[in-house]
Amino acid sequence: MSRVNVMQPWLGEEEVAAVADVLRSGWVAQGPRVAAFEGAFATAMGSAHAVATSSCTSALHLALVVAGVGRDQDVVVPSFSFIATANAPTYVGARPVFADVDPVTGNLTAATVRAALTPATTAVVAVDQGGVPVDLQAIRDVCDPLGIVVIEDAACGAGSTYRGRPVGAGAEIAAWSFHPRKILTTGEGGMLTTSRPDWAARARRLREHAMSVSAADRHGSVLAPPEEYGEIGFNYRMTDLQAAVGLVQLGRLPEAVARRRELAAVYAKAIDEIDGLRAVADPPWGTGNFQSFWVEVGAAYPLDREQLMTALAEAEVSARRGIMAAHRQPPYRGSSADLPVTERLTDTTVILPLFHELSESEQARVIDVLREESR
């Protein structure tokens, strides 16, 4: 019996050809493909500006820097997220302050953000967890009047919608991931999008050691102009090899999301008939891309989460524990935050296999295990 993976990227010959074209061009570092990818991504996501980076974590770091967040300030973040969401504020000397999440969506809400604000809060990082769109405007309605910047962590969000627009379109600044677990992948890589030209311009400089003249511009000049380094910058560049893959993947995005939503609907129908299981679903304000399909294992189900994962593994089905709780990890164990929903979801959710090429028979095998163990 073949193994059913929890995920696998959807890559094909178009990506291979795109990379080969870059190799033949002789320019493989950040250059024309990166610029083309930035433009296409900004258009697709409804953003004014896009700045390609080496990862979503580096994009989050740059977002905090250009937004002016710094030492001894507080940044409200969900603990119910990959640890990079909490780590990024520490890079600028700020303190991550953990807020709880909604029990249905797994996202921050206006109420949980309000409860976590302190006099030192200057930013909030709101995550589209697993591709479920966060209710961004409700959070901005709390934060904007206080001068608190809201950064959307849209790492999982490409292809999701919020109030009829792509997630991120209503954000002053957002960060995106192209890790292989994401629907749109460049292997590694990320993107910063923003409505502000000054933030975009500074992020472009900072990702390239804060050079006044980009490497691409210097390469394009017979007599390269002298460069100046106006501040401490970083090496957060994307390569043209990655961007070439990203351009192909961006073209695939609508089909990829449609396929994932089709598979998610099959799961949801089956799980709705099983007592004790609850599947992630669209919130009232948008549609998810089902980057992850997670299920909460309740008390009415005969197995707990760990036992269910064991049963799935015995059927050669690879599943994963749900989203981590960052405040339980060693760097953040000193947090005094009271996060009952976060802890419950972290302990009771499981991520089921969902990827573009998941076959009908493979999905049926997953569902069969869920049904059999419910009896």
Protein backbone atom coordinates (compact mmCIF):
# COMPACT_ATOMS: atom_id res chain seq x y z
CA MET A 1 0.00 0.00 0.00
CA SER A 2 1.49 3.32 -1.07
CA ARG A 3 1.86 6.16 1.39
CA VAL A 4 -0.50 9.15 1.20
CA ASN A 5 1.53 12.28 1.88
CA VAL A 6 0.06 15.13 3.89
CA MET A 7 1.12 17.51 1.12
CA GLN A 8 3.24 17.76 -1.99
CA PRO A 9 3.83 20.73 -4.29
CA TRP A 10 2.22 20.87 -7.72
CA LEU A 11 5.15 21.28 -10.11
CA GLY A 12 5.49 20.38 -13.77
CA GLU A 13 7.43 20.78 -16.98
CA GLU A 14 6.52 24.48 -17.26
CA GLU A 15 8.51 25.19 -14.11
CA VAL A 16 11.41 23.11 -15.44
CA ALA A 17 11.41 25.06 -18.69
CA ALA A 18 11.22 28.39 -16.88
CA VAL A 19 14.26 27.54 -14.76
CA ALA A 20 16.16 26.32 -17.83
CA ASP A 21 15.47 29.64 -19.56
CA VAL A 22 16.96 31.52 -16.61
CA LEU A 23 20.04 29.30 -16.60
CA ARG A 24 20.55 29.91 -20.32
CA SER A 25 20.22 33.66 -19.79
CA GLY A 26 23.30 33.74 -17.58
CA TRP A 27 21.55 35.92 -14.98
CA VAL A 28 20.44 33.77 -12.04
CA ALA A 29 20.53 36.22 -9.12
CA GLN A 30 17.89 38.86 -8.38
CA GLY A 31 17.08 40.46 -11.72
CA PRO A 32 14.41 40.75 -14.43
CA ARG A 33 12.44 37.65 -13.43
CA VAL A 34 12.17 38.88 -9.85
CA ALA A 35 10.90 42.24 -11.09
CA ALA A 36 8.36 40.50 -13.34
CA PHE A 37 7.21 38.26 -10.49
CA GLU A 38 6.80 41.24 -8.18
CA GLY A 39 4.65 43.05 -10.73
CA ALA A 40 2.50 40.03 -11.51
CA PHE A 41 2.04 39.18 -7.82
CA ALA A 42 1.07 42.72 -6.90
CA THR A 43 -1.55 42.74 -9.65
CA ALA A 44 -2.93 39.33 -8.69
CA MET A 45 -3.20 40.24 -5.00
CA GLY A 46 -4.60 43.73 -5.52
CA SER A 47 -1.60 45.42 -3.95
CA ALA A 48 0.12 48.62 -5.05
CA HIS A 49 3.67 47.37 -4.43
CA ALA A 50 5.37 43.99 -4.04
CA VAL A 51 8.92 43.31 -2.86
CA ALA A 52 10.30 39.79 -3.27
CA THR A 53 12.32 38.37 -0.39
CA SER A 54 14.17 35.24 0.65
CA SER A 55 11.33 34.03 2.90
CA CYS A 56 8.12 35.09 4.60
CA THR A 57 10.08 35.46 7.83
CA SER A 58 12.39 38.00 6.19
CA ALA A 59 9.33 39.77 4.74
CA LEU A 60 7.81 39.98 8.25
CA HIS A 61 11.09 41.35 9.59
CA LEU A 62 11.24 44.01 6.86
CA ALA A 63 7.57 44.87 7.43
CA LEU A 64 8.26 45.61 11.10
CA VAL A 65 11.36 47.64 10.25
CA VAL A 66 9.73 49.84 7.60
CA ALA A 67 6.67 50.31 9.83
CA GLY A 68 8.95 51.77 12.51
CA VAL A 69 8.53 49.03 15.12
CA GLY A 70 11.54 48.86 17.43
CA ARG A 71 13.11 48.18 20.77
CA ASP A 72 10.99 47.93 23.91
CA GLN A 73 7.71 48.09 21.99
CA ASP A 74 4.99 45.43 22.09
CA VAL A 75 3.67 43.54 19.08
CA VAL A 76 0.46 41.54 19.47
CA VAL A 77 0.69 38.16 17.73
CA PRO A 78 -1.20 34.87 17.84
CA SER A 79 0.57 32.04 19.59
CA PHE A 80 -1.48 29.75 17.33
CA SER A 81 0.90 30.12 14.38
CA PHE A 82 4.28 28.97 13.12
CA ILE A 83 6.94 30.30 15.45
CA ALA A 84 8.25 32.80 12.86
CA THR A 85 5.23 35.02 13.60
CA ALA A 86 6.46 35.44 17.19
CA ASN A 87 10.16 35.51 16.30
CA ALA A 88 9.97 38.41 13.85
CA PRO A 89 9.22 41.07 16.51
CA THR A 90 12.23 39.91 18.52
CA TYR A 91 14.48 40.68 15.53
CA VAL A 92 13.74 44.40 15.95
CA GLY A 93 14.00 44.28 19.75
CA ALA A 94 10.24 44.30 20.32
CA ARG A 95 8.27 41.99 22.62
CA PRO A 96 5.73 39.55 21.18
CA VAL A 97 2.51 39.69 23.23
CA PHE A 98 0.33 36.64 22.67
CA ALA A 99 -3.39 36.95 21.98
CA ASP A 100 -5.90 34.11 21.84
CA VAL A 101 -7.76 33.11 18.70
CA ASP A 102 -11.28 32.39 17.53
CA PRO A 103 -12.27 28.74 18.21
CA VAL A 104 -13.77 28.29 14.74
CA THR A 105 -11.28 30.03 12.42
CA GLY A 106 -8.11 29.80 14.51
CA ASN A 107 -7.45 33.49 13.79
CA LEU A 108 -7.09 36.62 15.88
CA THR A 109 -10.27 38.65 16.34
CA ALA A 110 -10.93 42.27 17.22
CA ALA A 111 -11.86 41.15 20.74
CA THR A 112 -8.76 39.02 21.35
CA VAL A 113 -6.51 41.77 19.98
CA ARG A 114 -8.17 44.41 22.15
CA ALA A 115 -7.65 42.23 25.22
CA ALA A 116 -3.91 41.92 24.49
CA LEU A 117 -3.12 45.60 23.80
CA THR A 118 -0.71 47.36 26.15
CA PRO A 119 0.41 51.00 26.39
CA ALA A 120 3.56 49.93 24.50
CA THR A 121 1.77 48.22 21.60
CA THR A 122 2.79 49.63 18.21
CA ALA A 123 1.87 46.74 15.90
CA VAL A 124 -0.34 43.68 15.49
CA VAL A 125 0.49 40.72 13.27
CA ALA A 126 -2.75 39.11 12.07
CA VAL A 127 -2.38 35.69 10.44
CA ASP A 128 -4.54 34.05 7.76
CA GLN A 129 -4.02 30.72 9.50
CA GLY A 130 -4.00 27.73 7.17
CA GLY A 131 -5.43 29.97 4.45
CA VAL A 132 -8.53 30.96 6.45
CA PRO A 133 -8.92 34.73 5.93
CA VAL A 134 -8.64 36.79 9.09
CA ASP A 135 -11.30 39.47 9.64
CA LEU A 136 -8.73 42.17 8.97
CA GLN A 137 -10.99 45.20 8.86
CA ALA A 138 -12.46 44.45 12.28
CA ILE A 139 -8.93 44.38 13.71
CA ARG A 140 -7.97 47.56 11.86
CA ASP A 141 -11.06 49.27 13.26
CA VAL A 142 -9.56 48.67 16.71
CA CYS A 143 -5.97 49.52 15.83
CA ASP A 144 -6.05 52.32 13.25
CA PRO A 145 -7.50 54.96 15.60
CA LEU A 146 -4.73 54.14 18.09
CA GLY A 147 -1.95 54.48 15.51
CA ILE A 148 -1.15 50.77 15.75
CA VAL A 149 -0.03 49.28 12.45
CA VAL A 150 -1.64 45.97 11.44
CA ILE A 151 0.65 43.64 9.50
CA GLU A 152 -1.12 40.80 7.73
CA ASP A 153 0.82 37.55 7.90
CA ALA A 154 -0.56 36.07 4.71
CA ALA A 155 2.03 33.29 4.60
CA CYS A 156 -0.72 30.75 3.83
CA GLY A 157 -3.11 33.15 2.13
CA ALA A 158 -2.42 33.22 -1.62
CA GLY A 159 -5.71 32.43 -3.34
CA SER A 160 -7.95 33.14 -0.34
CA THR A 161 -10.42 36.01 -0.43
CA TYR A 162 -11.66 38.60 2.07
CA ARG A 163 -14.82 40.60 1.40
CA GLY A 164 -14.66 39.78 -2.29
CA ARG A 165 -11.00 40.70 -2.78
CA PRO A 166 -7.74 38.76 -2.43
CA VAL A 167 -6.50 38.58 1.15
CA GLY A 168 -3.85 41.23 1.69
CA ALA A 169 -5.55 43.72 -0.63
CA GLY A 170 -6.92 45.65 2.35
CA ALA A 171 -3.70 45.57 4.35
CA GLU A 172 -1.34 48.49 4.72
CA ILE A 173 1.44 45.89 4.65
CA ALA A 174 1.47 42.08 4.34
CA ALA A 175 3.97 39.21 4.18
CA TRP A 176 3.67 36.05 2.08
CA SER A 177 5.38 32.65 1.94
CA PHE A 178 6.37 30.50 -1.03
CA HIS A 179 7.63 27.54 1.01
CA PRO A 180 6.87 24.11 -0.56
CA ARG A 181 3.99 23.60 1.88
CA LYS A 182 2.25 26.64 0.42
CA ILE A 183 -0.02 26.50 -2.63
CA LEU A 184 2.26 28.82 -4.60
CA THR A 185 5.88 27.78 -4.13
CA THR A 186 9.31 28.92 -5.26
CA GLY A 187 11.09 26.35 -3.06
CA GLU A 188 11.94 28.99 -0.49
CA GLY A 189 11.02 32.65 -0.81
CA GLY A 190 8.57 35.30 0.26
CA MET A 191 6.99 38.61 -0.65
CA LEU A 192 6.17 41.86 1.07
CA THR A 193 3.21 43.82 -0.29
CA THR A 194 2.22 47.31 0.77
CA SER A 195 0.04 50.23 -0.20
CA ARG A 196 2.80 52.68 0.71
CA PRO A 197 5.48 53.56 -1.87
CA ASP A 198 7.91 54.79 0.81
CA TRP A 199 7.74 51.49 2.67
CA ALA A 200 8.19 49.53 -0.57
CA ALA A 201 11.21 51.60 -1.61
CA ARG A 202 12.89 51.18 1.76
CA ALA A 203 12.17 47.43 1.83
CA ARG A 204 13.80 47.10 -1.62
CA ARG A 205 16.96 48.76 -0.33
CA LEU A 206 17.04 46.89 2.96
CA ARG A 207 16.71 43.45 1.35
CA GLU A 208 19.91 44.21 -0.59
CA HIS A 209 22.22 45.41 2.18
CA ALA A 210 20.62 48.89 1.97
CA MET A 211 22.62 49.63 -1.18
CA SER A 212 21.72 52.85 -2.95
CA VAL A 213 22.19 51.12 -6.34
CA SER A 214 20.84 47.60 -6.88
CA ALA A 215 23.06 44.78 -8.07
CA ALA A 216 20.93 44.46 -11.20
CA ASP A 217 21.38 48.16 -12.03
CA ARG A 218 25.13 47.94 -11.46
CA HIS A 219 25.34 44.89 -13.71
CA GLY A 220 23.44 46.74 -16.42
CA SER A 221 25.97 49.58 -16.49
CA VAL A 222 29.25 49.43 -18.36
CA LEU A 223 30.67 51.85 -15.80
CA ALA A 224 28.88 50.99 -12.60
CA PRO A 225 27.96 53.96 -10.40
CA PRO A 226 29.35 54.01 -6.85
CA GLU A 227 27.01 52.66 -4.22
CA GLU A 228 26.34 53.91 -0.72
CA TYR A 229 25.01 52.01 2.29
CA GLY A 230 22.77 54.44 4.15
CA GLU A 231 21.77 52.12 7.00
CA ILE A 232 22.23 48.58 8.25
CA GLY A 233 20.60 46.28 5.72
CA PHE A 234 20.10 42.57 5.14
CA ASN A 235 20.63 39.92 2.49
CA TYR A 236 17.00 38.99 1.87
CA ARG A 237 17.05 38.69 -1.91
CA MET A 238 15.12 36.27 -4.10
CA THR A 239 16.84 34.75 -7.15
CA ASP A 240 15.62 34.83 -10.74
CA LEU A 241 15.56 31.01 -10.61
CA GLN A 242 12.97 31.16 -7.83
CA ALA A 243 11.01 33.96 -9.46
CA ALA A 244 10.77 32.04 -12.74
CA VAL A 245 9.11 29.19 -10.87
CA GLY A 246 6.91 31.68 -9.03
CA LEU A 247 5.63 33.20 -12.27
CA VAL A 248 4.49 29.78 -13.52
CA GLN A 249 2.98 28.94 -10.14
CA LEU A 250 1.09 32.23 -10.03
CA GLY A 251 -0.52 31.32 -13.33
CA ARG A 252 -1.59 28.00 -11.83
CA LEU A 253 -3.03 29.55 -8.66
CA PRO A 254 -6.74 29.77 -9.65
CA GLU A 255 -6.77 26.13 -10.78
CA ALA A 256 -4.85 25.04 -7.69
CA VAL A 257 -7.29 26.75 -5.33
CA ALA A 258 -10.32 25.38 -7.20
CA ARG A 259 -8.94 21.85 -6.91
CA ARG A 260 -8.20 22.21 -3.20
CA ARG A 261 -11.67 23.57 -2.50
CA GLU A 262 -13.13 20.63 -4.41
CA LEU A 263 -11.17 18.16 -2.29
CA ALA A 264 -12.03 20.07 0.89
CA ALA A 265 -15.74 19.82 0.06
CA VAL A 266 -15.45 16.03 -0.16
CA TYR A 267 -13.75 15.92 3.24
CA ALA A 268 -16.27 18.32 4.77
CA LYS A 269 -19.27 16.29 3.61
CA ALA A 270 -17.86 13.10 5.10
CA ILE A 271 -16.72 14.69 8.36
CA ASP A 272 -20.08 16.37 8.87
CA GLU A 273 -21.55 12.87 9.23
CA ILE A 274 -19.02 11.77 11.89
CA ASP A 275 -19.76 12.65 15.50
CA GLY A 276 -16.89 14.32 17.33
CA LEU A 277 -15.07 15.75 14.33
CA ARG A 278 -15.22 19.35 13.09
CA ALA A 279 -13.62 20.45 9.85
CA VAL A 280 -12.20 23.89 9.12
CA ALA A 281 -14.58 25.92 6.94
CA ASP A 282 -15.00 29.28 5.24
CA PRO A 283 -15.82 32.20 7.56
CA PRO A 284 -18.74 34.52 6.71
CA TRP A 285 -16.40 37.23 5.35
CA GLY A 286 -14.39 35.24 2.82
CA THR A 287 -13.20 32.03 1.23
CA GLY A 288 -10.19 29.95 2.19
CA ASN A 289 -7.70 28.32 -0.14
CA PHE A 290 -7.41 25.23 2.13
CA GLN A 291 -3.65 25.49 2.24
CA SER A 292 -4.11 23.19 5.22
CA PHE A 293 -7.18 21.10 5.92
CA TRP A 294 -7.41 20.75 9.67
CA VAL A 295 -9.94 18.87 11.75
CA GLU A 296 -10.72 19.29 15.44
CA VAL A 297 -11.05 15.99 17.31
CA GLY A 298 -13.72 16.45 19.99
CA ALA A 299 -14.66 14.50 23.09
CA ALA A 300 -17.44 12.64 21.26
CA TYR A 301 -14.92 10.95 18.93
CA PRO A 302 -13.67 7.60 20.32
CA LEU A 303 -9.99 8.47 19.78
CA ASP A 304 -8.01 11.48 20.81
CA ARG A 305 -5.83 13.34 18.32
CA GLU A 306 -2.70 11.28 18.94
CA GLN A 307 -4.59 7.99 18.66
CA LEU A 308 -6.22 9.11 15.42
CA MET A 309 -2.84 10.02 13.95
CA THR A 310 -1.59 6.55 14.88
CA ALA A 311 -4.57 4.92 13.18
CA LEU A 312 -3.97 6.99 10.06
CA ALA A 313 -0.28 6.08 10.06
CA GLU A 314 -1.18 2.37 10.25
CA ALA A 315 -3.13 2.89 7.03
CA GLU A 316 -0.05 4.58 5.49
CA VAL A 317 -1.70 8.00 5.72
CA SER A 318 0.61 10.82 6.74
CA ALA A 319 -1.12 13.44 8.91
CA ARG A 320 0.29 16.25 11.04
CA ARG A 321 -0.54 17.73 14.40
CA GLY A 322 -2.41 21.01 14.13
CA ILE A 323 -0.90 24.47 14.34
CA MET A 324 1.67 24.87 17.11
CA ALA A 325 1.35 27.09 20.17
CA ALA A 326 4.43 29.31 20.12
CA HIS A 327 4.06 30.30 23.78
CA ARG A 328 4.80 26.70 24.79
CA GLN A 329 8.18 26.71 23.05
CA PRO A 330 11.36 27.31 25.11
CA PRO A 331 11.99 30.95 24.03
CA TYR A 332 8.47 32.01 25.08
CA ARG A 333 7.61 29.83 28.06
CA GLY A 334 7.84 32.82 30.35
CA SER A 335 4.70 34.29 28.80
CA SER A 336 1.86 34.75 31.27
CA ALA A 337 -0.81 34.90 28.56
CA ASP A 338 -4.04 33.01 29.19
CA LEU A 339 -4.75 31.25 25.88
CA PRO A 340 -7.35 28.51 26.42
CA VAL A 341 -8.59 28.37 22.81
CA THR A 342 -5.06 28.28 21.41
CA GLU A 343 -4.10 25.44 23.73
CA ARG A 344 -7.26 23.46 22.97
CA LEU A 345 -6.86 23.75 19.21
CA THR A 346 -3.15 22.95 19.37
CA ASP A 347 -3.91 19.79 21.37
CA THR A 348 -6.95 18.57 19.43
CA THR A 349 -6.46 19.40 15.75
CA VAL A 350 -4.96 17.26 13.02
CA ILE A 351 -4.01 18.25 9.47
CA LEU A 352 -5.21 15.77 6.84
CA PRO A 353 -3.65 15.13 3.41
CA LEU A 354 -4.70 17.70 0.83
CA PHE A 355 -2.77 18.55 -2.32
CA HIS A 356 -3.51 19.11 -5.99
CA GLU A 357 -2.80 15.57 -7.19
CA LEU A 358 -4.49 13.74 -4.30
CA SER A 359 -6.44 10.95 -5.97
CA GLU A 360 -10.02 9.90 -5.26
CA SER A 361 -8.84 6.58 -3.91
CA GLU A 362 -6.24 8.20 -1.65
CA GLN A 363 -8.78 10.60 -0.20
CA ALA A 364 -11.24 7.72 0.26
CA ARG A 365 -8.61 5.86 2.27
CA VAL A 366 -8.26 8.83 4.63
CA ILE A 367 -12.03 9.12 5.05
CA ASP A 368 -12.38 5.37 5.60
CA VAL A 369 -10.02 5.58 8.58
CA LEU A 370 -11.98 8.48 10.09
CA ARG A 371 -15.24 6.53 9.72
CA GLU A 372 -13.92 3.19 10.93
CA GLU A 373 -12.39 4.68 14.05
CA SER A 374 -15.64 6.50 14.88
CA ARG A 375 -17.51 3.20 15.38
